[in-house]
Every structure is written in C-alpha cells, then in structure tokens.
Protein backbone atom coordinates (compact mmCIF):
# COMPACT_ATOMS: atom_id res chain seq x y z
CA UNK A 1 117.45 -10.46 114.75
CA UNK A 2 121.00 -11.40 115.58
CA UNK A 3 121.82 -11.38 119.28
CA UNK A 4 125.07 -9.97 120.64
CA UNK A 5 127.08 -10.86 123.72
CA UNK A 6 127.35 -8.70 126.82
CA UNK A 7 130.52 -7.00 125.65
CA UNK A 8 128.61 -4.91 123.11
CA UNK A 9 129.83 -1.58 124.50
CA UNK A 10 132.87 -2.15 126.65
CA UNK A 11 132.72 1.37 128.03
CA UNK A 12 129.80 0.37 130.21
CA UNK A 13 130.78 -3.18 131.15
CA UNK A 14 131.80 -2.24 134.66
CA UNK A 15 128.60 -0.28 135.12
CA UNK A 16 126.40 -3.04 133.73
CA UNK A 17 128.15 -5.70 135.81
CA UNK A 18 129.07 -8.07 132.99
CA UNK A 19 131.73 -10.50 134.05
CA UNK A 20 135.09 -11.06 132.42
CA UNK A 21 137.01 -9.22 129.77
CA UNK A 22 136.26 -9.05 126.04
CA UNK A 23 138.23 -11.50 123.90
CA UNK A 24 139.50 -8.78 121.59
CA UNK A 25 142.11 -6.10 122.41
CA UNK A 26 141.35 -2.38 122.25
CA UNK A 27 141.62 -0.91 118.76
CA UNK A 28 144.77 0.91 117.73
CA UNK A 29 144.91 4.04 115.62
CA UNK A 30 148.29 4.16 113.87
CA UNK A 31 149.31 7.28 112.04
CA UNK A 32 147.79 9.78 114.47
CA UNK A 33 150.97 11.82 114.24
CA UNK A 34 150.13 12.65 110.62
CA UNK A 35 147.27 14.88 111.77
CA UNK A 36 149.22 16.63 114.53
CA UNK A 37 148.98 19.90 112.59
CA UNK A 38 145.21 20.04 113.07
CA UNK A 39 144.40 22.26 116.03
CA UNK A 40 141.37 21.55 118.19
CA UNK A 41 139.98 24.71 119.78
CA UNK A 42 137.98 23.16 122.58
CA UNK A 43 135.17 25.51 123.64
CA UNK A 44 133.04 22.87 125.32
CA UNK A 45 131.53 23.39 128.75
CA UNK A 46 134.02 21.73 131.11
CA UNK A 47 131.48 19.21 132.42
CA UNK A 48 131.16 17.53 129.02
CA UNK A 49 134.50 15.83 129.56
CA UNK A 50 133.73 14.67 133.10
CA UNK A 51 132.18 11.43 134.33
CA UNK A 52 128.71 11.70 135.86
CA UNK A 53 126.26 9.15 137.25
CA UNK A 54 122.90 10.89 137.05
CA UNK A 55 120.97 8.68 139.47
CA UNK A 56 121.31 5.39 141.37
CA UNK A 57 117.62 5.42 142.34
CA UNK A 58 115.82 2.82 140.24
CA UNK A 59 112.57 4.83 140.24
CA UNK A 60 114.26 7.97 138.94
CA UNK A 61 113.90 9.06 135.31
CA UNK A 62 117.68 9.59 135.35
CA UNK A 63 118.48 6.09 136.64
CA UNK A 64 121.28 4.18 134.84
CA UNK A 65 122.26 7.13 132.66
CA UNK A 66 125.94 8.09 132.63
CA UNK A 67 128.12 10.77 131.12
CA UNK A 68 131.41 9.29 129.97
CA UNK A 69 134.69 11.01 130.83
CA UNK A 70 137.18 12.12 128.18
CA UNK A 71 139.81 9.80 129.64
CA UNK A 72 137.54 6.78 129.16
CA UNK A 73 139.01 6.36 125.66
CA UNK A 74 142.41 6.25 124.07
CA UNK A 75 142.88 8.37 122.05
CA UNK A 76 140.49 10.92 123.51
CA UNK A 77 137.51 11.67 121.29
CA UNK A 78 138.59 15.15 120.22
CA UNK A 79 141.98 13.85 119.09
CA UNK A 80 140.32 11.17 116.98
CA UNK A 81 137.99 13.82 115.56
CA UNK A 82 141.00 15.84 114.40
CA UNK A 83 142.52 12.77 112.76
CA UNK A 84 139.35 11.68 110.96
CA UNK A 85 138.79 15.24 109.73
CA UNK A 86 142.36 15.35 108.47
CA UNK A 87 141.72 12.14 106.53
CA UNK A 88 138.39 13.33 105.14
CA UNK A 89 139.22 16.93 104.23
CA UNK A 90 142.49 17.74 102.44
CA UNK A 91 141.33 21.36 102.66
CA UNK A 92 142.34 21.36 106.33
CA UNK A 93 145.94 21.73 105.18
CA UNK A 94 145.25 25.42 104.63
CA UNK A 95 142.76 25.83 107.52
CA UNK A 96 144.07 23.38 110.15
CA UNK A 97 141.68 24.28 112.97
CA UNK A 98 138.49 22.70 114.26
CA UNK A 99 136.32 24.50 116.79
CA UNK A 100 134.55 22.06 119.10
CA UNK A 101 131.47 23.58 120.71
CA UNK A 102 130.14 20.33 122.12
CA UNK A 103 131.39 16.74 122.23
CA UNK A 104 129.82 14.56 124.89
CA UNK A 105 128.94 10.88 125.23
CA UNK A 106 126.19 9.32 127.32
CA UNK A 107 125.44 5.69 128.18
CA UNK A 108 121.84 4.62 128.73
CA UNK A 109 121.45 1.27 130.49
CA UNK A 110 118.05 2.00 132.02
CA UNK A 111 116.01 -0.85 130.61
CA UNK A 112 118.61 -3.54 131.25
CA UNK A 113 119.43 -2.51 134.81
CA UNK A 114 115.80 -2.01 135.76
CA UNK A 115 115.08 -5.54 134.57
CA UNK A 116 118.01 -6.80 136.62
CA UNK A 117 116.73 -4.98 139.69
CA UNK A 118 113.24 -6.44 139.24
CA UNK A 119 114.57 -9.98 138.78
CA UNK A 120 116.80 -9.61 141.83
CA UNK A 121 113.86 -8.43 143.88
CA UNK A 122 111.74 -11.42 142.87
CA UNK A 123 114.33 -14.19 142.84
CA UNK A 124 117.35 -13.00 144.81
CA UNK A 125 120.87 -12.47 143.49
CA UNK A 126 121.37 -16.07 142.33
CA UNK A 127 118.15 -16.01 140.35
CA UNK A 128 119.09 -12.66 138.88
CA UNK A 129 122.42 -14.03 137.70
CA UNK A 130 120.67 -16.95 136.01
CA UNK A 131 117.75 -15.09 134.48
CA UNK A 132 119.22 -11.75 133.40
CA UNK A 133 120.10 -11.92 129.67
CA UNK A 134 123.71 -11.34 128.68
CA UNK A 135 122.90 -10.78 125.01
CA UNK A 136 121.21 -7.85 123.35
CA UNK A 137 119.49 -7.43 119.97
CA UNK A 138 121.56 -5.70 117.30
CA UNK A 139 120.47 -2.37 115.87
CA UNK A 140 121.64 0.37 113.54
CA UNK A 141 123.82 3.38 114.26
CA UNK A 142 121.71 6.46 113.60
CA UNK A 143 123.09 9.97 113.09
CA UNK A 144 120.90 13.03 112.68
CA UNK A 145 121.63 16.70 112.39
CA UNK A 146 120.34 18.73 115.34
CA UNK A 147 119.84 22.35 116.36
CA UNK A 148 122.65 23.53 118.64
CA UNK A 149 120.38 25.93 120.49
CA UNK A 150 117.86 23.20 121.32
CA UNK A 151 120.65 20.95 122.56
CA UNK A 152 122.09 23.66 124.79
CA UNK A 153 118.71 24.25 126.44
CA UNK A 154 118.81 20.71 127.83
CA UNK A 155 121.84 21.45 130.04
CA UNK A 156 121.53 21.45 133.81
CA UNK A 157 118.78 19.47 135.50
CA UNK A 158 117.52 18.07 132.19
CA UNK A 159 120.89 16.89 130.91
CA UNK A 160 120.12 13.22 131.51
CA UNK A 161 117.30 13.42 128.94
CA UNK A 162 119.94 13.70 126.21
CA UNK A 163 120.46 9.95 126.60
CA UNK A 164 116.81 9.11 125.90
CA UNK A 165 115.78 7.35 122.71
CA UNK A 166 112.52 6.70 120.90
CA UNK A 167 110.88 3.33 120.39
CA UNK A 168 111.52 3.68 116.65
CA UNK A 169 115.24 4.23 117.25
CA UNK A 170 115.70 1.36 119.67
CA UNK A 171 112.60 -0.87 119.73
CA UNK A 172 114.33 -3.58 121.79
CA UNK A 173 115.48 -1.06 124.40
CA UNK A 174 119.07 -2.30 124.21
CA UNK A 175 121.86 -0.45 126.06
CA UNK A 176 123.08 2.43 123.92
CA UNK A 177 125.66 5.18 123.74
CA UNK A 178 124.40 8.58 122.58
CA UNK A 179 127.05 10.93 121.24
CA UNK A 180 126.61 14.64 120.55
CA UNK A 181 129.11 16.52 118.38
CA UNK A 182 128.97 20.22 117.49
CA UNK A 183 131.87 21.58 115.45
CA UNK A 184 132.97 24.44 113.23
CA UNK A 185 135.06 23.20 110.34
CA UNK A 186 136.07 24.90 107.08
CA UNK A 187 133.70 27.77 107.74
CA UNK A 188 130.64 25.64 108.58
CA UNK A 189 129.04 24.74 111.89
CA UNK A 190 127.19 21.44 112.19
CA UNK A 191 125.78 19.67 115.23
CA UNK A 192 124.74 16.02 115.32
CA UNK A 193 123.28 13.35 117.57
CA UNK A 194 124.43 9.77 117.12
CA UNK A 195 122.81 6.72 118.73
CA UNK A 196 124.92 3.55 118.91
CA UNK A 197 123.14 0.33 119.95
CA UNK A 198 124.74 -3.12 119.79
CA UNK A 199 126.13 -3.54 116.26
CA UNK A 200 125.87 -6.88 114.45
CA UNK A 201 129.35 -6.70 112.92
CA UNK A 202 130.98 -5.99 116.32
CA UNK A 203 129.90 -8.43 119.02
CA UNK A 204 132.45 -6.73 121.28
CA UNK A 205 132.81 -2.99 120.85
CA UNK A 206 134.91 -0.50 122.76
CA UNK A 207 133.60 2.98 123.48
CA UNK A 208 136.19 4.56 121.18
CA UNK A 209 134.84 2.45 118.31
CA UNK A 210 131.31 3.71 118.94
CA UNK A 211 132.58 7.28 119.07
CA UNK A 212 134.60 6.72 115.88
CA UNK A 213 131.44 5.69 114.02
CA UNK A 214 129.75 8.86 115.22
CA UNK A 215 132.70 11.03 114.17
CA UNK A 216 132.71 9.57 110.67
CA UNK A 217 128.95 10.09 110.34
CA UNK A 218 129.25 13.63 111.69
CA UNK A 219 131.92 14.57 109.18
CA UNK A 220 129.81 13.08 106.38
CA UNK A 221 127.19 15.72 107.14
CA UNK A 222 129.67 18.36 105.97
CA UNK A 223 129.98 16.66 102.58
CA UNK A 224 126.21 16.30 102.37
CA UNK A 225 125.72 19.99 103.14
CA UNK A 226 128.31 20.98 100.53
CA UNK A 227 126.63 18.77 97.94
CA UNK A 228 123.21 20.25 98.69
CA UNK A 229 124.59 23.78 98.42
CA UNK A 230 126.22 22.99 95.08
CA UNK A 231 123.00 21.53 93.72
CA UNK A 232 120.97 24.65 94.50
C-alpha cells in the first residue's frame, strides 16, 4: 500500500508535531461570489464550531481526539457547503436556503501519538524522533448516511466517541478526520458521516480539502435519494 508523508492532513500537523511546512500552498476556491445568494441557516449547537482537545492523558479513551474550529479553514466549511450545493443543484436558484443542523469535524490521532509516547518512554526524545514513522498508509474516503437522532445522543460526555473508527474502516489505524454533516436542502434532510484517512492522490492535504471531499459526498446522497425515489 502506498505510504504518504507526514503532511497528510495539515489541519493536525501542529498537534501531531510534524516538522516543517507542506511544499504545496493552501487550495484556492475562485468563484465563491457566484453562490453568494445561497443562504446558510446555521442551527448547529454553538460548540460544533469551537476547538476542543478532549484529553491530554495518554491512558484516556478520549486522548488525542480534537474538535476542529470553524476558523481552522478558509473558506469556512459552511460557506464551501453553500458553494458546492450551488454548483450541484440548479434548483437552489428558486430555493436558495440550506438549513445546517450539524457540521462538525474531528481529528483522531490516537494511535500515532500513543506510539510516539511509548517510544519516547522507552528510548527518550532522541530515539522517539528517529523511530516514530512520518509516513502513513493511504486509505479510502468513506461516507455513510446516518441517523440524526443517534448522532445527537452522543453529545456531551460521549462526544469524543464520534471520532472513533472501526478496524474495517481504517485497518492501519492512520490519523483521520471524521466529518459529520446534517442538512436540509430542497425539502430533504440528510445526515452523513465521512471518514478521511491519508489519500494516495494527495500526499499533502489541507483540512479544507478533506472537508470538501465530505461535502461533495454528502450532496451526492441527495441525488441518490432522489434517484431511489424515482425508481420506486
């Protein structure tokens, strides 16, 4: 399996402790002004746009799990959502509003940072720097439709569990972003969970690029639902 460099998800570079800056500039999104007519009605809980470090204790189940702040990306995720929806659905011209019930991004670096902690404990900081891998196995972006009510029940003390993944989803236990989106668009409400591991085609990937993939996949669920309805 192709191995990727440490810059796989730039949003968490500072957290992970990778040195240096990625050799590619942040992506640009020209033409955002074209979708200015699309209104985002943001009904999210306020905390979903705020940074949170769930635990610094290596033995905690919440260790090395982070909620990413809205201002961690440019443009902010909801603005990019409006633009991608505008591109995907000409129908928005007559119904230019998207209700956002949930939009939140988590980073899960548990496995990598626990390994680093163990190596440091056994060899000291110099040994840790030499032995800790700076490359991660590539995986596939996976988007699934979820139940909004089940997602909402994980708020509070269990919120960190939203960043968990299964062995089937991420067998190499690479660092991942997990993005949840719950929107009402053109009379339909759909919620999704998107897991973004290192991606083979993007050895260096900014957080906004990971979120963009999840937005595109989320919007595709609307087309899939419409197609299924039409086929019935």
